C-alpha cells in the first residue's frame, strides 16, 4: 500500500518537474532576447548613444536578467564551415540558467521580477491575499449549491426547466457573464448595488461587509459558469442509485425517501462526482484570471496576465508553479476522499 502511494507520488512529482522544465526552456528560447533587453533597460536613453554604450548597457542588462550564462547543461554548436550540416554538443557544467533556477527553486527562491526586481515569492503571496478568498468562496458556494440543486433534481418529477437553465449557463463564456453582471448590478445608470471594480483596502471587522461586497460579482460569475457540470453529474448519479436494489430494500424497511437519500444513496453517488474535484479548483483559479481583469482585483490572475503581457518570465513561471502544485493537491484530496467514502479501497479491505 505504502509502496504504491510512493510510486504514484513519485510519478506526479516527475510530471510537475517535466512541465516546469519545459516551460522554463520555452520562455528562454522562444522570445527574442533583444526585445527583452530593450524592454528592461538594455538600450540606454539619450541623444544618439554610441555602439559601445549600447553594447555595455545590453551586457549589463543581460547579466541582471541572468541571460549571460548558457541555457542548459549542454548546448549545440555549429561545426566549422567545412562540415556544413554537422553539429556537435558542448557540456556547459552547472553554471547555466536552468541549474541556477532549479537550485533556487529547491531553496524556495523563485527569482526576481524583470520589471521591478522584487522577489517573485512576495509578489505571489501578496496576490494570494485576494485570490484565495475569491476562490474559496466560489468553491464553497459551488459545492453547497450544486449539492442542493442535484438533490432537488433527483427528487423532482419534472426537472426540465432547471436543467435548461443550467445548460444555458454552461454555454455562456465567463467574460460574458462577468460583463453582464457588471453592467446590470454595478452600473449607476441601471442598478449600482455593488462596487464596479477594485478592492477595499481595509479588511478589519468594521469593513468586512464592504470587503465582501467587492467579491460578490466576481464570485457570482465563477459560480454561475461552473455550477452546471457538478449539479448534473451528481443528480444523474443520485437518480441511478435511487433505483438500485439496496435503495428499494431500504424503502421496504420503512425508511422515508429523505432517509434513503441521505443515509444510503448520497454517499455512493458522490464517488463519481469526486473526479470533478480534480478540475474544479484549477478551473476556478483559471477563471480568476478573467474576473480579476474585468473587476480590477489585485490577485494572482491579474499578476500573471500582466507578467505574460510584459514578458516577465520569472513571475510567470512562479505563477504556473503555483497552479501546478494546486492541481496536484486537488488530485490528492480527491484520492483521500475516495479512500474515506469507499470502504473497498481501505487497507483492511485490500
C-alpha atoms as a PDB file:
ATOM      1  CA  UNK A   1       0.000   0.000   0.000  1.00  0.00           C
ATOM      2  CA  UNK A   2       2.676   2.495   1.052  1.00  0.00           C
ATOM      3  CA  UNK A   3       4.845   1.402  -1.860  1.00  0.00           C
ATOM      4  CA  UNK A   4       2.077   2.090  -4.376  1.00  0.00           C
ATOM      5  CA  UNK A   5       1.414   5.512  -2.874  1.00  0.00           C
ATOM      6  CA  UNK A   6       5.138   6.287  -3.027  1.00  0.00           C
ATOM      7  CA  UNK A   7       5.338   5.273  -6.691  1.00  0.00           C
ATOM      8  CA  UNK A   8       2.300   7.380  -7.537  1.00  0.00           C
ATOM      9  CA  UNK A   9       3.694  10.374  -5.654  1.00  0.00           C
ATOM     10  CA  UNK A  10       6.997   9.993  -7.484  1.00  0.00           C
ATOM     11  CA  UNK A  11       5.233   9.941 -10.845  1.00  0.00           C
ATOM     12  CA  UNK A  12       3.259  13.071 -10.018  1.00  0.00           C
ATOM     13  CA  UNK A  13       6.388  14.890  -8.896  1.00  0.00           C
ATOM     14  CA  UNK A  14       8.099  13.826 -12.128  1.00  0.00           C
ATOM     15  CA  UNK A  15       5.201  15.228 -14.152  1.00  0.00           C
ATOM     16  CA  UNK A  16       5.380  18.531 -12.240  1.00  0.00           C
ATOM     17  CA  UNK A  17       9.131  18.769 -12.810  1.00  0.00           C
ATOM     18  CA  UNK A  18       8.749  17.987 -16.524  1.00  0.00           C
ATOM     19  CA  UNK A  19       6.069  20.658 -17.018  1.00  0.00           C
ATOM     20  CA  UNK A  20       8.096  23.335 -15.254  1.00  0.00           C
ATOM     21  CA  UNK A  21      11.307  22.376 -17.077  1.00  0.00           C
ATOM     22  CA  UNK A  22       9.597  22.537 -20.469  1.00  0.00           C
ATOM     23  CA  UNK A  23       8.038  25.896 -19.663  1.00  0.00           C
ATOM     24  CA  UNK A  24      11.369  27.275 -18.416  1.00  0.00           C
ATOM     25  CA  UNK A  25      13.164  26.238 -21.604  1.00  0.00           C
ATOM     26  CA  UNK A  26      10.374  27.624 -23.783  1.00  0.00           C
ATOM     27  CA  UNK A  27      10.419  31.013 -22.074  1.00  0.00           C
ATOM     28  CA  UNK A  28      14.165  31.243 -22.591  1.00  0.00           C
ATOM     29  CA  UNK A  29      14.258  30.141 -26.232  1.00  0.00           C
ATOM     30  CA  UNK A  30      11.075  31.381 -27.914  1.00  0.00           C
ATOM     31  CA  UNK A  31      11.242  35.148 -27.330  1.00  0.00           C
ATOM     32  CA  UNK A  32      13.717  37.476 -28.995  1.00  0.00           C
ATOM     33  CA  UNK A  33      16.411  38.368 -26.473  1.00  0.00           C
ATOM     34  CA  UNK A  34      16.836  41.838 -27.982  1.00  0.00           C
ATOM     35  CA  UNK A  35      13.210  42.658 -27.185  1.00  0.00           C
ATOM     36  CA  UNK A  36      13.751  41.681 -23.559  1.00  0.00           C
ATOM     37  CA  UNK A  37      16.882  43.809 -23.340  1.00  0.00           C
ATOM     38  CA  UNK A  38      15.139  46.781 -24.922  1.00  0.00           C
ATOM     39  CA  UNK A  39      12.124  46.436 -22.622  1.00  0.00           C
ATOM     40  CA  UNK A  40      14.063  46.036 -19.366  1.00  0.00           C
ATOM     41  CA  UNK A  41      16.827  48.568 -19.730  1.00  0.00           C
ATOM     42  CA  UNK A  42      19.154  47.083 -22.309  1.00  0.00           C
ATOM     43  CA  UNK A  43      19.334  50.154 -24.571  1.00  0.00           C
ATOM     44  CA  UNK A  44      20.306  53.454 -22.937  1.00  0.00           C
ATOM     45  CA  UNK A  45      18.147  56.500 -23.467  1.00  0.00           C
ATOM     46  CA  UNK A  46      19.606  59.776 -24.575  1.00  0.00           C
ATOM     47  CA  UNK A  47      20.869  61.519 -27.645  1.00  0.00           C
ATOM     48  CA  UNK A  48      22.491  59.096 -30.092  1.00  0.00           C
ATOM     49  CA  UNK A  49      24.315  56.623 -27.801  1.00  0.00           C
ATOM     50  CA  UNK A  50      27.414  55.066 -29.274  1.00  0.00           C
ATOM     51  CA  UNK A  51      27.709  51.432 -30.259  1.00  0.00           C
ATOM     52  CA  UNK A  52      29.970  50.775 -27.281  1.00  0.00           C
ATOM     53  CA  UNK A  53      27.453  52.306 -24.880  1.00  0.00           C
ATOM     54  CA  UNK A  54      24.643  50.206 -26.319  1.00  0.00           C
ATOM     55  CA  UNK A  55      26.700  47.004 -26.061  1.00  0.00           C
ATOM     56  CA  UNK A  56      27.784  47.807 -22.492  1.00  0.00           C
ATOM     57  CA  UNK A  57      24.212  48.565 -21.439  1.00  0.00           C
ATOM     58  CA  UNK A  58      22.938  45.378 -23.067  1.00  0.00           C
ATOM     59  CA  UNK A  59      25.639  43.313 -21.380  1.00  0.00           C
ATOM     60  CA  UNK A  60      24.720  44.830 -18.029  1.00  0.00           C
ATOM     61  CA  UNK A  61      21.029  44.116 -18.602  1.00  0.00           C
ATOM     62  CA  UNK A  62      21.837  40.572 -19.766  1.00  0.00           C
ATOM     63  CA  UNK A  63      23.736  39.981 -16.518  1.00  0.00           C
ATOM     64  CA  UNK A  64      20.928  41.493 -14.436  1.00  0.00           C
ATOM     65  CA  UNK A  65      18.342  39.276 -16.102  1.00  0.00           C
ATOM     66  CA  UNK A  66      20.540  36.173 -15.797  1.00  0.00           C
ATOM     67  CA  UNK A  67      20.877  35.708 -19.556  1.00  0.00           C
ATOM     68  CA  UNK A  68      24.666  35.849 -19.746  1.00  0.00           C
ATOM     69  CA  UNK A  69      25.081  32.165 -18.793  1.00  0.00           C
ATOM     70  CA  UNK A  70      24.340  29.156 -21.041  1.00  0.00           C
ATOM     71  CA  UNK A  71      20.742  27.994 -21.025  1.00  0.00           C
ATOM     72  CA  UNK A  72      21.152  24.295 -20.147  1.00  0.00           C
ATOM     73  CA  UNK A  73      23.748  21.745 -19.095  1.00  0.00           C
ATOM     74  CA  UNK A  74      24.809  21.257 -22.706  1.00  0.00           C
ATOM     75  CA  UNK A  75      24.485  23.394 -25.813  1.00  0.00           C
ATOM     76  CA  UNK A  76      24.506  22.667 -29.512  1.00  0.00           C
ATOM     77  CA  UNK A  77      27.236  24.340 -31.534  1.00  0.00           C
ATOM     78  CA  UNK A  78      27.605  24.591 -35.277  1.00  0.00           C
ATOM     79  CA  UNK A  79      30.615  22.875 -36.808  1.00  0.00           C
ATOM     80  CA  UNK A  80      33.124  24.734 -38.996  1.00  0.00           C
ATOM     81  CA  UNK A  81      32.078  25.706 -42.496  1.00  0.00           C
ATOM     82  CA  UNK A  82      33.846  22.690 -43.962  1.00  0.00           C
ATOM     83  CA  UNK A  83      31.235  20.484 -42.299  1.00  0.00           C
ATOM     84  CA  UNK A  84      28.133  22.380 -43.325  1.00  0.00           C
ATOM     85  CA  UNK A  85      25.335  20.409 -41.637  1.00  0.00           C
ATOM     86  CA  UNK A  86      27.355  18.753 -38.900  1.00  0.00           C
ATOM     87  CA  UNK A  87      26.538  19.662 -35.298  1.00  0.00           C
ATOM     88  CA  UNK A  88      28.336  18.989 -32.072  1.00  0.00           C
ATOM     89  CA  UNK A  89      27.371  19.234 -28.399  1.00  0.00           C
ATOM     90  CA  UNK A  90      29.276  21.026 -25.666  1.00  0.00           C
ATOM     91  CA  UNK A  91      28.939  20.360 -21.950  1.00  0.00           C
ATOM     92  CA  UNK A  92      28.347  23.606 -20.056  1.00  0.00           C
ATOM     93  CA  UNK A  93      28.528  22.314 -16.471  1.00  0.00           C
ATOM     94  CA  UNK A  94      26.460  23.655 -13.596  1.00  0.00           C
ATOM     95  CA  UNK A  95      26.967  27.312 -14.472  1.00  0.00           C
ATOM     96  CA  UNK A  96      23.833  27.585 -16.586  1.00  0.00           C
ATOM     97  CA  UNK A  97      20.484  29.316 -16.271  1.00  0.00           C
ATOM     98  CA  UNK A  98      18.466  26.144 -15.695  1.00  0.00           C
ATOM     99  CA  UNK A  99      20.686  24.862 -12.890  1.00  0.00           C
ATOM    100  CA  UNK A 100      20.620  28.209 -11.107  1.00  0.00           C
ATOM    101  CA  UNK A 101      16.833  28.341 -11.403  1.00  0.00           C
ATOM    102  CA  UNK A 102      16.491  24.735 -10.183  1.00  0.00           C
ATOM    103  CA  UNK A 103      18.734  25.332  -7.161  1.00  0.00           C
ATOM    104  CA  UNK A 104      16.791  28.479  -6.309  1.00  0.00           C
ATOM    105  CA  UNK A 105      13.517  26.578  -6.646  1.00  0.00           C
ATOM    106  CA  UNK A 106      14.800  23.874  -4.282  1.00  0.00           C
ATOM    107  CA  UNK A 107      15.692  26.595  -1.747  1.00  0.00           C
ATOM    108  CA  UNK A 108      12.286  28.252  -2.117  1.00  0.00           C
ATOM    109  CA  UNK A 109      13.521  31.163  -4.249  1.00  0.00           C
ATOM    110  CA  UNK A 110      11.640  31.850  -7.477  1.00  0.00           C
ATOM    111  CA  UNK A 111      13.932  34.599  -8.749  1.00  0.00           C
ATOM    112  CA  UNK A 112      13.287  38.303  -9.202  1.00  0.00           C
ATOM    113  CA  UNK A 113      10.808  40.098 -11.397  1.00  0.00           C
ATOM    114  CA  UNK A 114      12.262  41.556 -14.576  1.00  0.00           C
ATOM    115  CA  UNK A 115      10.156  44.692 -14.200  1.00  0.00           C
ATOM    116  CA  UNK A 116      10.533  45.615 -10.537  1.00  0.00           C
ATOM    117  CA  UNK A 117      13.489  43.426  -9.444  1.00  0.00           C
ATOM    118  CA  UNK A 118      11.342  42.308  -6.486  1.00  0.00           C
ATOM    119  CA  UNK A 119      11.410  38.657  -5.381  1.00  0.00           C
ATOM    120  CA  UNK A 120       8.671  36.641  -7.055  1.00  0.00           C
ATOM    121  CA  UNK A 121       7.637  34.871  -3.838  1.00  0.00           C
ATOM    122  CA  UNK A 122       6.397  38.002  -2.007  1.00  0.00           C
ATOM    123  CA  UNK A 123       4.625  39.190  -5.171  1.00  0.00           C
ATOM    124  CA  UNK A 124       2.676  35.920  -5.396  1.00  0.00           C
ATOM    125  CA  UNK A 125       1.992  35.920  -1.660  1.00  0.00           C
ATOM    126  CA  UNK A 126       0.555  39.430  -1.817  1.00  0.00           C
ATOM    127  CA  UNK A 127      -1.629  38.474  -4.777  1.00  0.00           C
ATOM    128  CA  UNK A 128      -2.878  35.361  -2.947  1.00  0.00           C
ATOM    129  CA  UNK A 129      -4.499  37.560  -0.308  1.00  0.00           C
ATOM    130  CA  UNK A 130      -7.052  38.430  -2.978  1.00  0.00           C
ATOM    131  CA  UNK A 131      -7.220  35.196  -4.965  1.00  0.00           C
ATOM    132  CA  UNK A 132      -7.583  32.792  -2.016  1.00  0.00           C
ATOM    133  CA  UNK A 133     -10.755  34.373  -0.528  1.00  0.00           C
ATOM    134  CA  UNK A 134     -12.221  34.740  -4.011  1.00  0.00           C
ATOM    135  CA  UNK A 135     -11.521  31.123  -4.970  1.00  0.00           C
ATOM    136  CA  UNK A 136     -12.529  29.572  -1.636  1.00  0.00           C
ATOM    137  CA  UNK A 137     -15.822  31.463  -1.518  1.00  0.00           C
ATOM    138  CA  UNK A 138     -16.624  30.358  -5.073  1.00  0.00           C
ATOM    139  CA  UNK A 139     -15.630  26.756  -4.256  1.00  0.00           C
ATOM    140  CA  UNK A 140     -17.766  26.656  -1.095  1.00  0.00           C
ATOM    141  CA  UNK A 141     -20.798  28.100  -2.841  1.00  0.00           C
ATOM    142  CA  UNK A 142     -20.374  25.747  -5.780  1.00  0.00           C
ATOM    143  CA  UNK A 143     -20.271  22.685  -3.523  1.00  0.00           C
ATOM    144  CA  UNK A 144     -23.291  23.764  -1.469  1.00  0.00           C
ATOM    145  CA  UNK A 145     -25.451  24.968  -4.337  1.00  0.00           C
ATOM    146  CA  UNK A 146     -24.605  22.114  -6.700  1.00  0.00           C
ATOM    147  CA  UNK A 147     -25.360  19.556  -3.984  1.00  0.00           C
ATOM    148  CA  UNK A 148     -28.651  21.219  -3.103  1.00  0.00           C
ATOM    149  CA  UNK A 149     -29.748  21.548  -6.721  1.00  0.00           C
ATOM    150  CA  UNK A 150     -28.675  17.978  -7.514  1.00  0.00           C
ATOM    151  CA  UNK A 151     -30.801  16.595  -4.679  1.00  0.00           C
ATOM    152  CA  UNK A 152     -33.739  18.648  -5.895  1.00  0.00           C
ATOM    153  CA  UNK A 153     -33.244  17.436  -9.481  1.00  0.00           C
ATOM    154  CA  UNK A 154     -33.012  13.803  -8.372  1.00  0.00           C
ATOM    155  CA  UNK A 155     -36.288  14.026  -6.466  1.00  0.00           C
ATOM    156  CA  UNK A 156     -38.190  16.261  -8.899  1.00  0.00           C
ATOM    157  CA  UNK A 157     -40.659  14.668 -11.272  1.00  0.00           C
ATOM    158  CA  UNK A 158     -40.197  17.318 -13.978  1.00  0.00           C
ATOM    159  CA  UNK A 159     -36.702  18.814 -13.709  1.00  0.00           C
ATOM    160  CA  UNK A 160     -36.785  20.135 -17.278  1.00  0.00           C
ATOM    161  CA  UNK A 161     -36.794  23.942 -16.679  1.00  0.00           C
ATOM    162  CA  UNK A 162     -33.959  23.842 -14.154  1.00  0.00           C
ATOM    163  CA  UNK A 163     -31.836  21.621 -16.388  1.00  0.00           C
ATOM    164  CA  UNK A 164     -32.426  24.022 -19.287  1.00  0.00           C
ATOM    165  CA  UNK A 165     -31.243  26.957 -17.189  1.00  0.00           C
ATOM    166  CA  UNK A 166     -28.141  25.044 -16.075  1.00  0.00           C
ATOM    167  CA  UNK A 167     -27.161  24.105 -19.619  1.00  0.00           C
ATOM    168  CA  UNK A 168     -27.802  27.676 -20.773  1.00  0.00           C
ATOM    169  CA  UNK A 169     -25.395  28.953 -18.108  1.00  0.00           C
ATOM    170  CA  UNK A 170     -22.852  26.311 -19.103  1.00  0.00           C
ATOM    171  CA  UNK A 171     -22.783  27.586 -22.683  1.00  0.00           C
ATOM    172  CA  UNK A 172     -22.051  31.197 -21.679  1.00  0.00           C
ATOM    173  CA  UNK A 173     -18.382  32.236 -21.526  1.00  0.00           C
ATOM    174  CA  UNK A 174     -17.113  33.551 -18.224  1.00  0.00           C
ATOM    175  CA  UNK A 175     -16.194  37.010 -19.520  1.00  0.00           C
ATOM    176  CA  UNK A 176     -19.738  37.444 -20.906  1.00  0.00           C
ATOM    177  CA  UNK A 177     -21.373  36.560 -17.580  1.00  0.00           C
ATOM    178  CA  UNK A 178     -18.964  38.786 -15.632  1.00  0.00           C
ATOM    179  CA  UNK A 179     -19.523  41.697 -18.025  1.00  0.00           C
ATOM    180  CA  UNK A 180     -23.288  41.228 -17.879  1.00  0.00           C
ATOM    181  CA  UNK A 181     -23.309  41.267 -14.071  1.00  0.00           C
ATOM    182  CA  UNK A 182     -21.090  44.335 -14.136  1.00  0.00           C
ATOM    183  CA  UNK A 183     -23.472  46.180 -16.473  1.00  0.00           C
ATOM    184  CA  UNK A 184     -26.622  45.140 -14.616  1.00  0.00           C
ATOM    185  CA  UNK A 185     -25.640  45.302 -10.946  1.00  0.00           C
ATOM    186  CA  UNK A 186     -22.753  47.787 -10.803  1.00  0.00           C
ATOM    187  CA  UNK A 187     -23.981  50.384 -13.258  1.00  0.00           C
ATOM    188  CA  UNK A 188     -25.073  53.818 -11.974  1.00  0.00           C
ATOM    189  CA  UNK A 189     -27.423  54.077 -14.967  1.00  0.00           C
ATOM    190  CA  UNK A 190     -29.184  50.810 -14.041  1.00  0.00           C
ATOM    191  CA  UNK A 191     -28.560  49.255 -10.608  1.00  0.00           C
ATOM    192  CA  UNK A 192     -25.489  50.292  -8.619  1.00  0.00           C
ATOM    193  CA  UNK A 193     -25.817  47.596  -5.957  1.00  0.00           C
ATOM    194  CA  UNK A 194     -22.152  46.557  -5.811  1.00  0.00           C
ATOM    195  CA  UNK A 195     -18.748  48.174  -6.478  1.00  0.00           C
ATOM    196  CA  UNK A 196     -17.743  48.057 -10.115  1.00  0.00           C
ATOM    197  CA  UNK A 197     -14.014  47.425  -9.712  1.00  0.00           C
ATOM    198  CA  UNK A 198     -11.118  47.388  -7.270  1.00  0.00           C
ATOM    199  CA  UNK A 199     -10.979  46.069  -3.731  1.00  0.00           C
ATOM    200  CA  UNK A 200     -11.422  47.614  -0.321  1.00  0.00           C
ATOM    201  CA  UNK A 201      -8.050  48.477   1.201  1.00  0.00           C
ATOM    202  CA  UNK A 202      -9.128  47.958   4.823  1.00  0.00           C
ATOM    203  CA  UNK A 203     -10.291  44.498   5.812  1.00  0.00           C
ATOM    204  CA  UNK A 204     -10.898  44.823   9.560  1.00  0.00           C
ATOM    205  CA  UNK A 205     -14.100  43.741  11.269  1.00  0.00           C
ATOM    206  CA  UNK A 206     -15.848  47.062  10.636  1.00  0.00           C
ATOM    207  CA  UNK A 207     -15.242  46.941   6.903  1.00  0.00           C
ATOM    208  CA  UNK A 208     -15.729  43.208   6.358  1.00  0.00           C
ATOM    209  CA  UNK A 209     -19.092  43.764   4.688  1.00  0.00           C
ATOM    210  CA  UNK A 210     -17.536  46.359   2.411  1.00  0.00           C
ATOM    211  CA  UNK A 211     -14.742  43.941   1.571  1.00  0.00           C
ATOM    212  CA  UNK A 212     -17.219  41.149   0.778  1.00  0.00           C
ATOM    213  CA  UNK A 213     -19.284  43.497  -1.384  1.00  0.00           C
ATOM    214  CA  UNK A 214     -16.305  43.770  -3.764  1.00  0.00           C
ATOM    215  CA  UNK A 215     -16.249  39.970  -4.108  1.00  0.00           C
ATOM    216  CA  UNK A 216     -19.967  39.401  -4.741  1.00  0.00           C
ATOM    217  CA  UNK A 217     -19.925  39.896  -8.507  1.00  0.00           C
ATOM    218  CA  UNK A 218     -16.612  38.048  -9.158  1.00  0.00           C
ATOM    219  CA  UNK A 219     -17.748  35.090  -7.030  1.00  0.00           C
ATOM    220  CA  UNK A 220     -21.177  35.085  -8.671  1.00  0.00           C
ATOM    221  CA  UNK A 221     -19.529  34.989 -12.111  1.00  0.00           C
ATOM    222  CA  UNK A 222     -17.453  31.936 -11.176  1.00  0.00           C
ATOM    223  CA  UNK A 223     -20.394  30.146  -9.549  1.00  0.00           C
ATOM    224  CA  UNK A 224     -22.874  30.740 -12.368  1.00  0.00           C
ATOM    225  CA  UNK A 225     -20.496  29.466 -15.059  1.00  0.00           C
ATOM    226  CA  UNK A 226     -19.288  26.461 -13.058  1.00  0.00           C
ATOM    227  CA  UNK A 227     -22.405  25.116 -11.386  1.00  0.00           C
ATOM    228  CA  UNK A 228     -23.932  23.165 -14.277  1.00  0.00           C
ATOM    229  CA  UNK A 229     -21.475  20.270 -14.585  1.00  0.00           C
ATOM    230  CA  UNK A 230     -21.244  19.184 -10.903  1.00  0.00           C
ATOM    231  CA  UNK A 231     -25.014  19.578 -10.453  1.00  0.00           C
ATOM    232  CA  UNK A 232     -25.972  17.473 -13.462  1.00  0.00           C
ATOM    233  CA  UNK A 233     -23.299  14.876 -12.657  1.00  0.00           C
ATOM    234  CA  UNK A 234     -24.445  14.409  -9.054  1.00  0.00           C
ATOM    235  CA  UNK A 235     -28.141  14.442  -9.965  1.00  0.00           C
ATOM    236  CA  UNK A 236     -27.618  11.736 -12.593  1.00  0.00           C
ATOM    237  CA  UNK A 237     -25.668   9.598 -10.110  1.00  0.00           C
ATOM    238  CA  UNK A 238     -28.360  10.063  -7.444  1.00  0.00           C
ATOM    239  CA  UNK A 239     -31.158   9.007  -9.803  1.00  0.00           C
ATOM    240  CA  UNK A 240     -29.152   5.930 -10.728  1.00  0.00           C
ATOM    241  CA  UNK A 241     -28.505   4.987  -7.102  1.00  0.00           C
ATOM    242  CA  UNK A 242     -32.141   5.531  -6.086  1.00  0.00           C
ATOM    243  CA  UNK A 243     -33.128   2.735  -8.499  1.00  0.00           C
ATOM    244  CA  UNK A 244     -30.637   0.226  -7.113  1.00  0.00           C
ATOM    245  CA  UNK A 245     -31.841  -2.840  -5.140  1.00  0.00           C
ATOM    246  CA  UNK A 246     -30.340  -1.630  -1.842  1.00  0.00           C
ATOM    247  CA  UNK A 247     -32.373   1.605  -2.094  1.00  0.00           C
ATOM    248  CA  UNK A 248     -35.549  -0.353  -2.827  1.00  0.00           C
ATOM    249  CA  UNK A 249     -34.799  -2.619   0.142  1.00  0.00           C
ATOM    250  CA  UNK A 250     -34.333   0.426   2.390  1.00  0.00           C
ATOM    251  CA  UNK A 251     -37.733   1.748   1.327  1.00  0.00           C
ATOM    252  CA  UNK A 252     -39.276  -1.668   2.010  1.00  0.00           C
ATOM    253  CA  UNK A 253     -37.953  -1.476   5.572  1.00  0.00           C
ATOM    254  CA  UNK A 254     -39.995   1.669   6.117  1.00  0.00           C
ATOM    255  CA  UNK A 255     -37.390   4.360   5.599  1.00  0.00           C
ATOM    256  CA  UNK A 256     -38.598   7.629   4.119  1.00  0.00           C
ATOM    257  CA  UNK A 257     -37.315   8.956   0.815  1.00  0.00           C
ATOM    258  CA  UNK A 258     -35.218  11.526   2.662  1.00  0.00           C
ATOM    259  CA  UNK A 259     -33.628   8.869   4.876  1.00  0.00           C
ATOM    260  CA  UNK A 260     -32.854   6.659   1.865  1.00  0.00           C
ATOM    261  CA  UNK A 261     -31.254   9.601   0.137  1.00  0.00           C
ATOM    262  CA  UNK A 262     -29.058  10.844   2.984  1.00  0.00           C
ATOM    263  CA  UNK A 263     -28.161   7.527   4.650  1.00  0.00           C
ATOM    264  CA  UNK A 264     -27.594   5.298   1.637  1.00  0.00           C
ATOM    265  CA  UNK A 265     -27.547   6.743  -1.863  1.00  0.00           C
ATOM    266  CA  UNK A 266     -25.776  10.087  -1.410  1.00  0.00           C
ATOM    267  CA  UNK A 267     -22.505   8.513  -0.320  1.00  0.00           C
ATOM    268  CA  UNK A 268     -22.370   6.174  -3.309  1.00  0.00           C
ATOM    269  CA  UNK A 269     -23.478   8.857  -5.743  1.00  0.00           C
ATOM    270  CA  UNK A 270     -20.745  11.208  -4.525  1.00  0.00           C
ATOM    271  CA  UNK A 271     -17.949   8.831  -5.589  1.00  0.00           C
ATOM    272  CA  UNK A 272     -18.164   9.508  -9.373  1.00  0.00           C
ATOM    273  CA  UNK A 273     -18.533  13.230  -8.677  1.00  0.00           C
ATOM    274  CA  UNK A 274     -15.216  13.325  -6.825  1.00  0.00           C
ATOM    275  CA  UNK A 275     -13.459  13.237 -10.184  1.00  0.00           C
ATOM    276  CA  UNK A 276     -14.771  16.750 -10.797  1.00  0.00           C
ATOM    277  CA  UNK A 277     -12.901  17.999  -7.726  1.00  0.00           C
ATOM    278  CA  UNK A 278      -9.608  17.458  -9.543  1.00  0.00           C
ATOM    279  CA  UNK A 279     -10.676  20.039 -12.131  1.00  0.00           C
ATOM    280  CA  UNK A 280     -12.881  22.311 -10.040  1.00  0.00           C
ATOM    281  CA  UNK A 281     -10.176  24.168  -8.116  1.00  0.00           C
ATOM    282  CA  UNK A 282      -7.804  24.603 -11.110  1.00  0.00           C
ATOM    283  CA  UNK A 283     -10.752  25.785 -13.221  1.00  0.00           C
ATOM    284  CA  UNK A 284     -11.665  28.346 -10.578  1.00  0.00           C
ATOM    285  CA  UNK A 285      -8.082  29.580 -10.497  1.00  0.00           C
ATOM    286  CA  UNK A 286      -8.068  29.830 -14.288  1.00  0.00           C
ATOM    287  CA  UNK A 287     -11.366  31.684 -14.148  1.00  0.00           C
ATOM    288  CA  UNK A 288      -9.962  34.079 -11.573  1.00  0.00           C
ATOM    289  CA  UNK A 289      -7.672  35.438 -14.312  1.00  0.00           C
ATOM    290  CA  UNK A 290     -10.733  36.642 -16.217  1.00  0.00           C
ATOM    291  CA  UNK A 291     -12.718  38.056 -13.297  1.00  0.00           C
ATOM    292  CA  UNK A 292      -9.685  39.737 -11.750  1.00  0.00           C
ATOM    293  CA  UNK A 293      -9.035  41.546 -15.023  1.00  0.00           C
ATOM    294  CA  UNK A 294     -12.678  42.555 -15.515  1.00  0.00           C
ATOM    295  CA  UNK A 295     -13.191  43.703 -11.920  1.00  0.00           C
ATOM    296  CA  UNK A 296      -9.621  45.052 -11.473  1.00  0.00           C
ATOM    297  CA  UNK A 297      -8.800  42.813  -8.499  1.00  0.00           C
ATOM    298  CA  UNK A 298      -5.100  42.632  -7.497  1.00  0.00           C
ATOM    299  CA  UNK A 299      -4.891  38.830  -7.482  1.00  0.00           C
ATOM    300  CA  UNK A 300      -2.732  36.091  -8.955  1.00  0.00           C
ATOM    301  CA  UNK A 301      -4.693  36.002 -12.206  1.00  0.00           C
ATOM    302  CA  UNK A 302      -4.164  39.675 -12.886  1.00  0.00           C
ATOM    303  CA  UNK A 303      -0.499  39.384 -11.869  1.00  0.00           C
ATOM    304  CA  UNK A 304       0.072  36.525 -14.343  1.00  0.00           C
ATOM    305  CA  UNK A 305      -1.785  38.298 -17.139  1.00  0.00           C
ATOM    306  CA  UNK A 306       0.343  41.400 -16.687  1.00  0.00           C
ATOM    307  CA  UNK A 307       3.511  39.278 -16.468  1.00  0.00           C
ATOM    308  CA  UNK A 308       2.649  37.477 -19.719  1.00  0.00           C
ATOM    309  CA  UNK A 309       1.993  40.791 -21.473  1.00  0.00           C
ATOM    310  CA  UNK A 310       5.263  42.301 -20.226  1.00  0.00           C
ATOM    311  CA  UNK A 311       7.256  39.063 -20.764  1.00  0.00           C
ATOM    312  CA  UNK A 312       8.159  38.979 -17.086  1.00  0.00           C
ATOM    313  CA  UNK A 313       9.037  35.289 -17.187  1.00  0.00           C
ATOM    314  CA  UNK A 314      10.161  34.724 -13.550  1.00  0.00           C
ATOM    315  CA  UNK A 315       6.742  35.898 -12.326  1.00  0.00           C
ATOM    316  CA  UNK A 316       5.021  33.803 -14.979  1.00  0.00           C
ATOM    317  CA  UNK A 317       6.990  30.677 -14.013  1.00  0.00           C
ATOM    318  CA  UNK A 318       6.227  31.217 -10.322  1.00  0.00           C
ATOM    319  CA  UNK A 319       2.514  31.516 -11.040  1.00  0.00           C
ATOM    320  CA  UNK A 320       2.486  28.385 -13.187  1.00  0.00           C
ATOM    321  CA  UNK A 321       4.335  26.531 -10.417  1.00  0.00           C
ATOM    322  CA  UNK A 322       1.601  27.592  -8.000  1.00  0.00           C
ATOM    323  CA  UNK A 323      -1.133  26.367 -10.351  1.00  0.00           C
ATOM    324  CA  UNK A 324       0.610  23.027 -10.939  1.00  0.00           C
ATOM    325  CA  UNK A 325       1.035  22.464  -7.191  1.00  0.00           C
ATOM    326  CA  UNK A 326      -2.638  23.261  -6.550  1.00  0.00           C
ATOM    327  CA  UNK A 327      -3.611  20.889  -9.341  1.00  0.00           C
ATOM    328  CA  UNK A 328      -1.669  18.063  -7.699  1.00  0.00           C
ATOM    329  CA  UNK A 329      -3.116  18.930  -4.291  1.00  0.00           C
ATOM    330  CA  UNK A 330      -6.623  18.663  -5.723  1.00  0.00           C
ATOM    331  CA  UNK A 331      -5.735  15.211  -7.057  1.00  0.00           C
ATOM    332  CA  UNK A 332      -4.512  14.116  -3.630  1.00  0.00           C
ATOM    333  CA  UNK A 333      -7.633  15.494  -1.927  1.00  0.00           C
ATOM    334  CA  UNK A 334      -9.848  13.601  -4.383  1.00  0.00           C
ATOM    335  CA  UNK A 335      -7.886  10.397  -3.742  1.00  0.00           C
ATOM    336  CA  UNK A 336      -8.195  10.882   0.006  1.00  0.00           C
ATOM    337  CA  UNK A 337     -11.952  11.373  -0.234  1.00  0.00           C
ATOM    338  CA  UNK A 338     -12.206   8.207  -2.330  1.00  0.00           C
ATOM    339  CA  UNK A 339     -10.497   6.237   0.440  1.00  0.00           C
ATOM    340  CA  UNK A 340     -12.796   7.760   3.059  1.00  0.00           C
ATOM    341  CA  UNK A 341     -16.049   7.179   1.174  1.00  0.00           C
ATOM    342  CA  UNK A 342     -15.318   3.791  -0.401  1.00  0.00           C
ATOM    343  CA  UNK A 343     -14.505   1.073   2.158  1.00  0.00           C
ATOM    344  CA  UNK A 344     -13.301  -1.243  -0.629  1.00  0.00           C
ATOM    345  CA  UNK A 345     -10.205   0.954  -1.039  1.00  0.00           C
ATOM    346  CA  UNK A 346      -9.160   0.786   2.611  1.00  0.00           C
ATOM    347  CA  UNK A 347      -6.027  -1.213   3.587  1.00  0.00           C
ATOM    348  CA  UNK A 348      -8.175  -3.651   5.594  1.00  0.00           C
ATOM    349  CA  UNK A 349     -10.261  -4.469   2.540  1.00  0.00           C
ATOM    350  CA  UNK A 350      -7.138  -4.965   0.465  1.00  0.00           C
END
